[in-house]
Amino acid sequence: MTSKSLFLALVVLLLLSSAAHAQQVVTPNTRAPLSPEKAKIHTALVTLRDSLLVVQTAGGRLERDLRNSSDAVLRSRARTISGACASSSRAAASAQQTVSASPEPVKDPKKTRQALLASFKDLRAALDKCTTDFTSYIDPAHAEDLRGYGVSRSSKTEDAIQRYGTPLQQYLGAVDIVIDPELGVRPSAP
């Protein structure tokens, strides 16, 4: 190929690429804007969701690194998990306070708000235990405990996060708030 034909092929490819982008369909958001009260709830719950994703990610990294990493790397992972659990516990307390202070949903025959508030308590207890346990694992004297029990302890926190997801989704349905992606959604298996 000559440089002219290569250049011409590149120009045609760029033009076709631009035409393909012009054919994309943008679906507008048809949902009504949230009321100020619902926006406050949405913000608190999204903040909590994001902080819980950090906990889940940190636990996954610990599990990934367990067999092949030095004690120093694992202590660093424990420090990250401890900080993430402490941060999530604070976010859960804030979200619990926001939901508790809100009258939403006005009609709640399924008691979704009460179930979510109870779930916050369980979640916070699990996150506080996570913070305490992983803070102790940072000490080099507890390296064996971290290797032996770290992943198990992390999976208990993951289980608490998953349990929180069910009442959360029920509450969100009752107040007509959408949070995407949902907490605990995993990629589909290949």
N, C-alpha and C. Protein backbone atom coordinates (compact mmCIF):
# COMPACT_ATOMS: atom_id res chain seq x y z
N MET A 1 0.83 -1.18 0.00
CA MET A 1 0.00 0.00 0.00
C MET A 1 0.87 1.24 0.00
N THR A 2 0.44 2.18 -0.76
CA THR A 2 1.17 3.43 -0.78
C THR A 2 0.69 4.31 0.35
N SER A 3 1.44 5.33 0.62
CA SER A 3 1.05 6.21 1.72
C SER A 3 -0.23 6.96 1.40
N LYS A 4 -0.48 7.25 0.08
CA LYS A 4 -1.73 7.92 -0.29
C LYS A 4 -2.93 7.02 -0.04
N SER A 5 -2.83 5.76 -0.41
CA SER A 5 -3.97 4.85 -0.21
C SER A 5 -4.18 4.57 1.28
N LEU A 6 -3.11 4.51 2.03
CA LEU A 6 -3.24 4.33 3.47
C LEU A 6 -3.91 5.54 4.10
N PHE A 7 -3.52 6.73 3.68
CA PHE A 7 -4.13 7.95 4.18
C PHE A 7 -5.61 8.00 3.81
N LEU A 8 -5.95 7.64 2.57
CA LEU A 8 -7.33 7.64 2.11
C LEU A 8 -8.17 6.63 2.91
N ALA A 9 -7.60 5.46 3.19
CA ALA A 9 -8.31 4.45 3.98
C ALA A 9 -8.57 4.95 5.39
N LEU A 10 -7.61 5.64 5.95
CA LEU A 10 -7.78 6.20 7.29
C LEU A 10 -8.87 7.26 7.32
N VAL A 11 -8.93 8.12 6.31
CA VAL A 11 -9.96 9.16 6.23
C VAL A 11 -11.34 8.51 6.11
N VAL A 12 -11.48 7.49 5.26
CA VAL A 12 -12.77 6.80 5.09
C VAL A 12 -13.18 6.16 6.41
N LEU A 13 -12.24 5.54 7.10
CA LEU A 13 -12.54 4.92 8.38
C LEU A 13 -13.01 5.95 9.40
N LEU A 14 -12.38 7.09 9.45
CA LEU A 14 -12.80 8.15 10.37
C LEU A 14 -14.19 8.68 10.02
N LEU A 15 -14.48 8.82 8.74
CA LEU A 15 -15.81 9.29 8.32
C LEU A 15 -16.88 8.27 8.69
N LEU A 16 -16.61 7.00 8.48
CA LEU A 16 -17.58 5.97 8.84
C LEU A 16 -17.79 5.92 10.35
N SER A 17 -16.72 6.11 11.09
CA SER A 17 -16.81 6.12 12.55
C SER A 17 -17.69 7.28 13.01
N SER A 18 -17.52 8.45 12.41
CA SER A 18 -18.34 9.62 12.78
C SER A 18 -19.80 9.38 12.44
N ALA A 19 -20.06 8.74 11.30
CA ALA A 19 -21.45 8.45 10.91
C ALA A 19 -22.09 7.47 11.88
N ALA A 20 -21.32 6.51 12.37
CA ALA A 20 -21.86 5.54 13.31
C ALA A 20 -22.22 6.21 14.64
N HIS A 21 -21.41 7.16 15.08
CA HIS A 21 -21.72 7.88 16.32
C HIS A 21 -22.98 8.71 16.17
N ALA A 22 -23.25 9.23 15.01
CA ALA A 22 -24.44 10.05 14.78
C ALA A 22 -25.71 9.22 14.86
N GLN A 23 -25.59 7.91 14.71
CA GLN A 23 -26.76 7.05 14.71
C GLN A 23 -27.10 6.51 16.10
N GLN A 24 -26.33 6.85 17.10
CA GLN A 24 -26.62 6.38 18.44
C GLN A 24 -27.89 7.04 18.96
N VAL A 25 -28.66 6.27 19.70
CA VAL A 25 -29.91 6.76 20.25
C VAL A 25 -29.68 7.13 21.72
N VAL A 26 -30.05 8.33 22.06
CA VAL A 26 -29.95 8.78 23.44
C VAL A 26 -31.36 8.74 24.02
N THR A 27 -31.51 7.97 25.08
CA THR A 27 -32.83 7.89 25.72
C THR A 27 -32.89 8.93 26.83
N PRO A 28 -33.86 9.79 26.77
CA PRO A 28 -33.96 10.83 27.81
C PRO A 28 -34.42 10.24 29.13
N ASN A 29 -34.07 10.90 30.19
CA ASN A 29 -34.52 10.51 31.51
C ASN A 29 -35.98 10.95 31.64
N THR A 30 -36.88 9.98 31.70
CA THR A 30 -38.31 10.31 31.76
C THR A 30 -38.82 10.40 33.20
N ARG A 31 -37.96 10.15 34.15
CA ARG A 31 -38.39 10.21 35.55
C ARG A 31 -38.51 11.66 36.00
N ALA A 32 -39.46 11.90 36.83
CA ALA A 32 -39.65 13.25 37.38
C ALA A 32 -38.48 13.56 38.32
N PRO A 33 -38.12 14.81 38.43
CA PRO A 33 -37.04 15.17 39.38
C PRO A 33 -37.45 14.81 40.80
N LEU A 34 -36.47 14.50 41.61
CA LEU A 34 -36.73 14.13 43.00
C LEU A 34 -37.09 15.37 43.81
N SER A 35 -37.98 15.17 44.77
CA SER A 35 -38.29 16.25 45.71
C SER A 35 -37.04 16.50 46.55
N PRO A 36 -36.97 17.65 47.21
CA PRO A 36 -35.78 17.91 48.05
C PRO A 36 -35.56 16.83 49.11
N GLU A 37 -36.63 16.33 49.69
CA GLU A 37 -36.51 15.29 50.72
C GLU A 37 -35.94 14.00 50.11
N LYS A 38 -36.48 13.61 48.96
CA LYS A 38 -36.00 12.40 48.30
C LYS A 38 -34.57 12.59 47.78
N ALA A 39 -34.24 13.79 47.35
CA ALA A 39 -32.87 14.06 46.88
C ALA A 39 -31.88 13.89 48.04
N LYS A 40 -32.27 14.32 49.23
CA LYS A 40 -31.41 14.17 50.41
C LYS A 40 -31.21 12.67 50.72
N ILE A 41 -32.28 11.90 50.64
CA ILE A 41 -32.19 10.45 50.87
C ILE A 41 -31.30 9.81 49.80
N HIS A 42 -31.53 10.19 48.56
CA HIS A 42 -30.75 9.65 47.44
C HIS A 42 -29.26 9.92 47.66
N THR A 43 -28.92 11.13 48.02
CA THR A 43 -27.51 11.49 48.23
C THR A 43 -26.89 10.66 49.34
N ALA A 44 -27.59 10.52 50.45
CA ALA A 44 -27.06 9.75 51.58
C ALA A 44 -26.87 8.28 51.21
N LEU A 45 -27.83 7.72 50.49
CA LEU A 45 -27.74 6.31 50.14
C LEU A 45 -26.71 6.04 49.05
N VAL A 46 -26.53 6.98 48.13
CA VAL A 46 -25.49 6.82 47.10
C VAL A 46 -24.11 6.93 47.75
N THR A 47 -23.95 7.84 48.69
CA THR A 47 -22.69 7.96 49.42
C THR A 47 -22.36 6.67 50.15
N LEU A 48 -23.36 6.09 50.80
CA LEU A 48 -23.16 4.82 51.50
C LEU A 48 -22.84 3.72 50.50
N ARG A 49 -23.59 3.64 49.42
CA ARG A 49 -23.33 2.61 48.41
C ARG A 49 -21.89 2.69 47.90
N ASP A 50 -21.44 3.90 47.60
CA ASP A 50 -20.08 4.08 47.09
C ASP A 50 -19.03 3.65 48.13
N SER A 51 -19.27 3.98 49.39
CA SER A 51 -18.30 3.60 50.42
C SER A 51 -18.30 2.08 50.63
N LEU A 52 -19.45 1.45 50.49
CA LEU A 52 -19.51 -0.01 50.63
C LEU A 52 -18.81 -0.71 49.46
N LEU A 53 -18.86 -0.09 48.30
CA LEU A 53 -18.14 -0.66 47.15
C LEU A 53 -16.63 -0.63 47.41
N VAL A 54 -16.15 0.38 48.12
CA VAL A 54 -14.72 0.44 48.47
C VAL A 54 -14.38 -0.71 49.42
N VAL A 55 -15.26 -0.99 50.38
CA VAL A 55 -15.04 -2.11 51.31
C VAL A 55 -14.99 -3.42 50.53
N GLN A 56 -15.93 -3.61 49.62
CA GLN A 56 -15.97 -4.85 48.84
C GLN A 56 -14.71 -4.99 47.97
N THR A 57 -14.29 -3.91 47.37
CA THR A 57 -13.09 -3.94 46.53
C THR A 57 -11.85 -4.26 47.35
N ALA A 58 -11.73 -3.64 48.51
CA ALA A 58 -10.58 -3.88 49.37
C ALA A 58 -10.55 -5.34 49.84
N GLY A 59 -11.70 -5.90 50.15
CA GLY A 59 -11.76 -7.31 50.54
C GLY A 59 -11.34 -8.23 49.40
N GLY A 60 -11.75 -7.89 48.19
CA GLY A 60 -11.35 -8.66 47.02
C GLY A 60 -9.85 -8.60 46.79
N ARG A 61 -9.27 -7.45 47.01
CA ARG A 61 -7.81 -7.31 46.85
C ARG A 61 -7.06 -8.13 47.89
N LEU A 62 -7.57 -8.15 49.11
CA LEU A 62 -6.94 -8.97 50.14
C LEU A 62 -6.98 -10.43 49.74
N GLU A 63 -8.13 -10.89 49.30
CA GLU A 63 -8.27 -12.28 48.89
C GLU A 63 -7.34 -12.61 47.72
N ARG A 64 -7.25 -11.70 46.77
CA ARG A 64 -6.38 -11.91 45.61
C ARG A 64 -4.92 -12.01 46.03
N ASP A 65 -4.51 -11.18 46.97
CA ASP A 65 -3.10 -11.09 47.35
C ASP A 65 -2.68 -12.06 48.45
N LEU A 66 -3.61 -12.77 49.03
CA LEU A 66 -3.33 -13.58 50.22
C LEU A 66 -2.19 -14.57 50.03
N ARG A 67 -2.19 -15.33 48.98
CA ARG A 67 -1.23 -16.41 48.81
C ARG A 67 0.16 -15.95 48.35
N ASN A 68 0.20 -14.88 47.57
CA ASN A 68 1.46 -14.53 46.91
C ASN A 68 2.11 -13.25 47.41
N SER A 69 1.57 -12.64 48.44
CA SER A 69 2.10 -11.35 48.88
C SER A 69 2.79 -11.44 50.22
N SER A 70 3.64 -10.48 50.45
CA SER A 70 4.37 -10.41 51.72
C SER A 70 3.42 -9.97 52.83
N ASP A 71 3.88 -10.15 54.06
CA ASP A 71 3.09 -9.70 55.21
C ASP A 71 2.87 -8.20 55.17
N ALA A 72 3.88 -7.47 54.69
CA ALA A 72 3.76 -6.01 54.62
C ALA A 72 2.64 -5.59 53.68
N VAL A 73 2.53 -6.27 52.54
CA VAL A 73 1.45 -5.96 51.58
C VAL A 73 0.11 -6.30 52.21
N LEU A 74 0.02 -7.43 52.88
CA LEU A 74 -1.25 -7.81 53.50
C LEU A 74 -1.63 -6.85 54.62
N ARG A 75 -0.65 -6.36 55.38
CA ARG A 75 -0.95 -5.36 56.41
C ARG A 75 -1.47 -4.07 55.77
N SER A 76 -0.92 -3.73 54.61
CA SER A 76 -1.41 -2.56 53.89
C SER A 76 -2.86 -2.77 53.46
N ARG A 77 -3.16 -3.97 52.99
CA ARG A 77 -4.55 -4.30 52.62
C ARG A 77 -5.46 -4.21 53.85
N ALA A 78 -4.98 -4.71 54.98
CA ALA A 78 -5.77 -4.65 56.22
C ALA A 78 -6.02 -3.20 56.63
N ARG A 79 -5.01 -2.37 56.47
CA ARG A 79 -5.15 -0.94 56.80
C ARG A 79 -6.22 -0.30 55.90
N THR A 80 -6.20 -0.67 54.62
CA THR A 80 -7.19 -0.13 53.67
C THR A 80 -8.60 -0.59 54.05
N ILE A 81 -8.73 -1.87 54.37
CA ILE A 81 -10.05 -2.39 54.74
C ILE A 81 -10.54 -1.72 56.03
N SER A 82 -9.66 -1.58 57.00
CA SER A 82 -10.03 -0.95 58.27
C SER A 82 -10.54 0.47 58.03
N GLY A 83 -9.82 1.23 57.23
CA GLY A 83 -10.24 2.60 56.92
C GLY A 83 -11.54 2.65 56.15
N ALA A 84 -11.69 1.72 55.19
CA ALA A 84 -12.91 1.68 54.39
C ALA A 84 -14.12 1.31 55.25
N CYS A 85 -13.94 0.35 56.16
CA CYS A 85 -15.05 -0.04 57.04
C CYS A 85 -15.43 1.11 57.98
N ALA A 86 -14.43 1.81 58.50
CA ALA A 86 -14.72 2.95 59.39
C ALA A 86 -15.46 4.04 58.62
N SER A 87 -15.03 4.32 57.41
CA SER A 87 -15.69 5.33 56.58
C SER A 87 -17.12 4.92 56.25
N SER A 88 -17.30 3.65 55.92
CA SER A 88 -18.65 3.17 55.60
C SER A 88 -19.56 3.19 56.81
N SER A 89 -19.00 2.92 57.98
CA SER A 89 -19.81 2.97 59.19
C SER A 89 -20.32 4.39 59.43
N ARG A 90 -19.46 5.37 59.19
CA ARG A 90 -19.89 6.78 59.33
C ARG A 90 -20.95 7.12 58.29
N ALA A 91 -20.76 6.64 57.05
CA ALA A 91 -21.75 6.89 55.99
C ALA A 91 -23.06 6.20 56.32
N ALA A 92 -23.00 5.01 56.91
CA ALA A 92 -24.22 4.29 57.30
C ALA A 92 -24.95 5.05 58.41
N ALA A 93 -24.20 5.61 59.36
CA ALA A 93 -24.82 6.39 60.43
C ALA A 93 -25.52 7.62 59.86
N SER A 94 -24.87 8.27 58.92
CA SER A 94 -25.47 9.45 58.28
C SER A 94 -26.72 9.07 57.49
N ALA A 95 -26.64 7.98 56.73
CA ALA A 95 -27.80 7.53 55.95
C ALA A 95 -28.94 7.12 56.87
N GLN A 96 -28.60 6.44 57.96
CA GLN A 96 -29.62 6.02 58.93
C GLN A 96 -30.31 7.24 59.51
N GLN A 97 -29.55 8.25 59.84
CA GLN A 97 -30.12 9.48 60.41
C GLN A 97 -31.02 10.17 59.37
N THR A 98 -30.58 10.21 58.12
CA THR A 98 -31.36 10.85 57.06
C THR A 98 -32.68 10.12 56.83
N VAL A 99 -32.63 8.79 56.74
CA VAL A 99 -33.85 8.01 56.51
C VAL A 99 -34.76 8.10 57.73
N SER A 100 -34.18 8.05 58.92
CA SER A 100 -34.97 8.12 60.15
C SER A 100 -35.71 9.45 60.28
N ALA A 101 -35.06 10.53 59.87
CA ALA A 101 -35.66 11.86 59.99
C ALA A 101 -36.67 12.15 58.88
N SER A 102 -36.68 11.36 57.85
CA SER A 102 -37.56 11.60 56.71
C SER A 102 -38.93 10.95 56.90
N PRO A 103 -39.99 11.60 56.42
CA PRO A 103 -41.31 10.99 56.48
C PRO A 103 -41.54 10.01 55.32
N GLU A 104 -40.58 9.90 54.41
CA GLU A 104 -40.74 9.04 53.24
C GLU A 104 -40.56 7.58 53.60
N PRO A 105 -41.30 6.66 53.04
CA PRO A 105 -42.48 6.90 52.22
C PRO A 105 -43.67 7.24 53.10
N VAL A 106 -44.54 8.09 52.57
CA VAL A 106 -45.71 8.54 53.33
C VAL A 106 -46.59 7.34 53.66
N LYS A 107 -46.84 6.49 52.68
CA LYS A 107 -47.60 5.25 52.90
C LYS A 107 -46.61 4.09 52.79
N ASP A 108 -46.51 3.32 53.85
CA ASP A 108 -45.53 2.24 53.91
C ASP A 108 -46.14 0.99 54.54
N PRO A 109 -47.11 0.37 53.83
CA PRO A 109 -47.77 -0.79 54.43
C PRO A 109 -46.83 -1.98 54.64
N LYS A 110 -45.77 -2.06 53.87
CA LYS A 110 -44.83 -3.18 54.01
C LYS A 110 -43.73 -2.89 55.02
N LYS A 111 -43.79 -1.72 55.65
CA LYS A 111 -42.81 -1.34 56.68
C LYS A 111 -41.38 -1.39 56.15
N THR A 112 -41.18 -0.91 54.92
CA THR A 112 -39.85 -0.94 54.32
C THR A 112 -38.88 -0.01 55.03
N ARG A 113 -39.39 1.09 55.53
CA ARG A 113 -38.53 2.04 56.25
C ARG A 113 -38.01 1.42 57.53
N GLN A 114 -38.90 0.76 58.29
CA GLN A 114 -38.48 0.11 59.53
C GLN A 114 -37.46 -0.99 59.25
N ALA A 115 -37.69 -1.76 58.19
CA ALA A 115 -36.76 -2.83 57.82
C ALA A 115 -35.39 -2.25 57.44
N LEU A 116 -35.40 -1.14 56.72
CA LEU A 116 -34.13 -0.53 56.34
C LEU A 116 -33.40 0.01 57.56
N LEU A 117 -34.13 0.64 58.47
CA LEU A 117 -33.49 1.18 59.69
C LEU A 117 -32.89 0.05 60.52
N ALA A 118 -33.57 -1.09 60.62
CA ALA A 118 -33.02 -2.24 61.34
C ALA A 118 -31.78 -2.77 60.61
N SER A 119 -31.84 -2.76 59.29
CA SER A 119 -30.71 -3.23 58.49
C SER A 119 -29.49 -2.32 58.68
N PHE A 120 -29.72 -1.02 58.83
CA PHE A 120 -28.61 -0.09 59.09
C PHE A 120 -27.88 -0.48 60.38
N LYS A 121 -28.64 -0.84 61.40
CA LYS A 121 -28.03 -1.21 62.67
C LYS A 121 -27.13 -2.43 62.52
N ASP A 122 -27.64 -3.45 61.80
CA ASP A 122 -26.85 -4.66 61.57
C ASP A 122 -25.62 -4.35 60.72
N LEU A 123 -25.81 -3.53 59.70
CA LEU A 123 -24.69 -3.18 58.83
C LEU A 123 -23.61 -2.43 59.61
N ARG A 124 -24.03 -1.47 60.41
CA ARG A 124 -23.06 -0.70 61.19
C ARG A 124 -22.32 -1.58 62.19
N ALA A 125 -23.01 -2.54 62.80
CA ALA A 125 -22.35 -3.45 63.73
C ALA A 125 -21.28 -4.28 62.99
N ALA A 126 -21.61 -4.76 61.80
CA ALA A 126 -20.65 -5.53 61.01
C ALA A 126 -19.47 -4.67 60.57
N LEU A 127 -19.74 -3.42 60.19
CA LEU A 127 -18.67 -2.52 59.76
C LEU A 127 -17.77 -2.14 60.94
N ASP A 128 -18.35 -1.93 62.10
CA ASP A 128 -17.56 -1.60 63.29
C ASP A 128 -16.68 -2.78 63.70
N LYS A 129 -17.22 -3.99 63.60
CA LYS A 129 -16.44 -5.20 63.90
C LYS A 129 -15.31 -5.34 62.87
N CYS A 130 -15.61 -5.07 61.62
CA CYS A 130 -14.60 -5.10 60.56
C CYS A 130 -13.47 -4.11 60.87
N THR A 131 -13.83 -2.91 61.27
CA THR A 131 -12.83 -1.89 61.60
C THR A 131 -11.94 -2.37 62.74
N THR A 132 -12.55 -2.89 63.79
CA THR A 132 -11.79 -3.36 64.95
C THR A 132 -10.86 -4.52 64.57
N ASP A 133 -11.40 -5.51 63.87
CA ASP A 133 -10.61 -6.69 63.52
C ASP A 133 -9.44 -6.33 62.60
N PHE A 134 -9.72 -5.56 61.56
CA PHE A 134 -8.65 -5.26 60.61
C PHE A 134 -7.65 -4.25 61.17
N THR A 135 -8.06 -3.44 62.13
CA THR A 135 -7.10 -2.56 62.80
C THR A 135 -6.12 -3.41 63.60
N SER A 136 -6.60 -4.47 64.23
CA SER A 136 -5.69 -5.35 64.98
C SER A 136 -4.78 -6.13 64.04
N TYR A 137 -5.24 -6.44 62.82
CA TYR A 137 -4.42 -7.19 61.87
C TYR A 137 -3.26 -6.36 61.32
N ILE A 138 -3.29 -5.05 61.50
CA ILE A 138 -2.21 -4.18 61.01
C ILE A 138 -0.92 -4.44 61.79
N ASP A 139 -1.05 -4.86 63.03
CA ASP A 139 0.11 -5.15 63.88
C ASP A 139 0.88 -6.34 63.31
N PRO A 140 2.21 -6.19 63.09
CA PRO A 140 2.99 -7.30 62.54
C PRO A 140 2.91 -8.58 63.37
N ALA A 141 2.63 -8.46 64.65
CA ALA A 141 2.50 -9.64 65.50
C ALA A 141 1.27 -10.48 65.13
N HIS A 142 0.33 -9.87 64.40
CA HIS A 142 -0.89 -10.59 64.01
C HIS A 142 -0.89 -11.01 62.54
N ALA A 143 0.29 -11.10 61.95
CA ALA A 143 0.38 -11.47 60.53
C ALA A 143 -0.25 -12.84 60.26
N GLU A 144 -0.03 -13.77 61.17
CA GLU A 144 -0.58 -15.11 60.99
C GLU A 144 -2.11 -15.08 61.06
N ASP A 145 -2.65 -14.28 61.97
CA ASP A 145 -4.11 -14.13 62.06
C ASP A 145 -4.68 -13.54 60.78
N LEU A 146 -4.00 -12.55 60.24
CA LEU A 146 -4.45 -11.92 58.99
C LEU A 146 -4.47 -12.95 57.87
N ARG A 147 -3.40 -13.73 57.74
CA ARG A 147 -3.35 -14.75 56.69
C ARG A 147 -4.41 -15.83 56.92
N GLY A 148 -4.62 -16.18 58.18
CA GLY A 148 -5.55 -17.27 58.48
C GLY A 148 -7.02 -16.87 58.50
N TYR A 149 -7.30 -15.66 58.96
CA TYR A 149 -8.69 -15.28 59.18
C TYR A 149 -9.14 -14.04 58.40
N GLY A 150 -8.22 -13.35 57.75
CA GLY A 150 -8.54 -12.10 57.07
C GLY A 150 -9.63 -12.23 56.02
N VAL A 151 -9.50 -13.23 55.16
CA VAL A 151 -10.49 -13.40 54.09
C VAL A 151 -11.84 -13.81 54.68
N SER A 152 -11.81 -14.68 55.68
CA SER A 152 -13.06 -15.09 56.33
C SER A 152 -13.74 -13.89 56.97
N ARG A 153 -12.95 -13.05 57.63
CA ARG A 153 -13.52 -11.85 58.28
C ARG A 153 -14.08 -10.89 57.24
N SER A 154 -13.35 -10.75 56.14
CA SER A 154 -13.82 -9.88 55.06
C SER A 154 -15.11 -10.41 54.45
N SER A 155 -15.24 -11.73 54.33
CA SER A 155 -16.46 -12.29 53.74
C SER A 155 -17.66 -12.11 54.66
N LYS A 156 -17.44 -12.04 55.96
CA LYS A 156 -18.54 -11.76 56.89
C LYS A 156 -19.07 -10.34 56.68
N THR A 157 -18.15 -9.42 56.42
CA THR A 157 -18.56 -8.05 56.13
C THR A 157 -19.31 -8.01 54.81
N GLU A 158 -18.81 -8.73 53.83
CA GLU A 158 -19.48 -8.82 52.52
C GLU A 158 -20.89 -9.38 52.68
N ASP A 159 -21.05 -10.39 53.52
CA ASP A 159 -22.39 -10.96 53.77
C ASP A 159 -23.33 -9.92 54.38
N ALA A 160 -22.83 -9.12 55.30
CA ALA A 160 -23.65 -8.07 55.91
C ALA A 160 -24.06 -7.04 54.87
N ILE A 161 -23.16 -6.71 53.96
CA ILE A 161 -23.47 -5.76 52.90
C ILE A 161 -24.56 -6.34 51.99
N GLN A 162 -24.45 -7.60 51.67
CA GLN A 162 -25.46 -8.24 50.82
C GLN A 162 -26.82 -8.28 51.53
N ARG A 163 -26.84 -8.56 52.82
CA ARG A 163 -28.11 -8.57 53.56
C ARG A 163 -28.76 -7.20 53.57
N TYR A 164 -27.95 -6.16 53.66
CA TYR A 164 -28.45 -4.79 53.64
C TYR A 164 -29.09 -4.45 52.29
N GLY A 165 -28.61 -5.05 51.23
CA GLY A 165 -29.11 -4.75 49.88
C GLY A 165 -30.59 -5.02 49.69
N THR A 166 -31.12 -6.06 50.29
CA THR A 166 -32.53 -6.42 50.10
C THR A 166 -33.48 -5.38 50.69
N PRO A 167 -33.37 -5.02 51.97
CA PRO A 167 -34.27 -3.98 52.49
C PRO A 167 -34.05 -2.63 51.81
N LEU A 168 -32.81 -2.38 51.38
CA LEU A 168 -32.54 -1.14 50.66
C LEU A 168 -33.35 -1.08 49.38
N GLN A 169 -33.32 -2.13 48.59
CA GLN A 169 -34.06 -2.12 47.32
C GLN A 169 -35.57 -2.03 47.55
N GLN A 170 -36.07 -2.67 48.59
CA GLN A 170 -37.50 -2.58 48.91
C GLN A 170 -37.88 -1.15 49.29
N TYR A 171 -37.03 -0.51 50.08
CA TYR A 171 -37.28 0.87 50.49
C TYR A 171 -37.22 1.80 49.28
N LEU A 172 -36.21 1.64 48.45
CA LEU A 172 -36.09 2.48 47.26
C LEU A 172 -37.31 2.35 46.36
N GLY A 173 -37.84 1.13 46.25
CA GLY A 173 -39.06 0.93 45.46
C GLY A 173 -40.24 1.66 46.08
N ALA A 174 -40.32 1.65 47.40
CA ALA A 174 -41.45 2.30 48.09
C ALA A 174 -41.40 3.82 47.95
N VAL A 175 -40.19 4.39 47.92
CA VAL A 175 -40.07 5.85 47.81
C VAL A 175 -39.84 6.30 46.38
N ASP A 176 -39.78 5.36 45.46
CA ASP A 176 -39.61 5.64 44.03
C ASP A 176 -38.31 6.40 43.74
N ILE A 177 -37.23 5.85 44.27
CA ILE A 177 -35.89 6.38 44.00
C ILE A 177 -35.11 5.27 43.30
N VAL A 178 -34.40 5.64 42.25
CA VAL A 178 -33.57 4.67 41.52
C VAL A 178 -32.11 5.00 41.78
N ILE A 179 -31.37 3.97 42.16
CA ILE A 179 -29.92 4.10 42.31
C ILE A 179 -29.29 3.01 41.45
N ASP A 180 -28.57 3.43 40.42
CA ASP A 180 -27.88 2.48 39.54
C ASP A 180 -26.39 2.70 39.64
N PRO A 181 -25.59 1.69 39.64
CA PRO A 181 -25.99 0.30 39.74
C PRO A 181 -26.40 -0.02 41.17
N GLU A 182 -27.18 -1.09 41.29
CA GLU A 182 -27.60 -1.52 42.61
C GLU A 182 -26.40 -2.05 43.36
N LEU A 183 -26.46 -1.97 44.68
CA LEU A 183 -25.41 -2.51 45.53
C LEU A 183 -25.41 -4.02 45.41
N GLY A 184 -24.24 -4.58 45.26
CA GLY A 184 -24.13 -6.04 45.23
C GLY A 184 -24.36 -6.65 43.88
N VAL A 185 -24.62 -5.84 42.86
CA VAL A 185 -24.78 -6.38 41.52
C VAL A 185 -23.42 -6.84 41.04
N ARG A 186 -23.35 -8.06 40.59
CA ARG A 186 -22.09 -8.61 40.12
C ARG A 186 -22.17 -8.81 38.61
N PRO A 187 -21.01 -8.78 37.94
CA PRO A 187 -21.03 -9.04 36.51
C PRO A 187 -21.51 -10.45 36.24
N SER A 188 -22.17 -10.63 35.12
CA SER A 188 -22.67 -11.97 34.79
C SER A 188 -21.50 -12.88 34.45
N ALA A 189 -21.66 -14.15 34.76
CA ALA A 189 -20.62 -15.13 34.48
C ALA A 189 -20.49 -15.33 32.98
N PRO A 190 -19.26 -15.50 32.49
CA PRO A 190 -19.08 -15.66 31.04
C PRO A 190 -19.67 -16.95 30.54
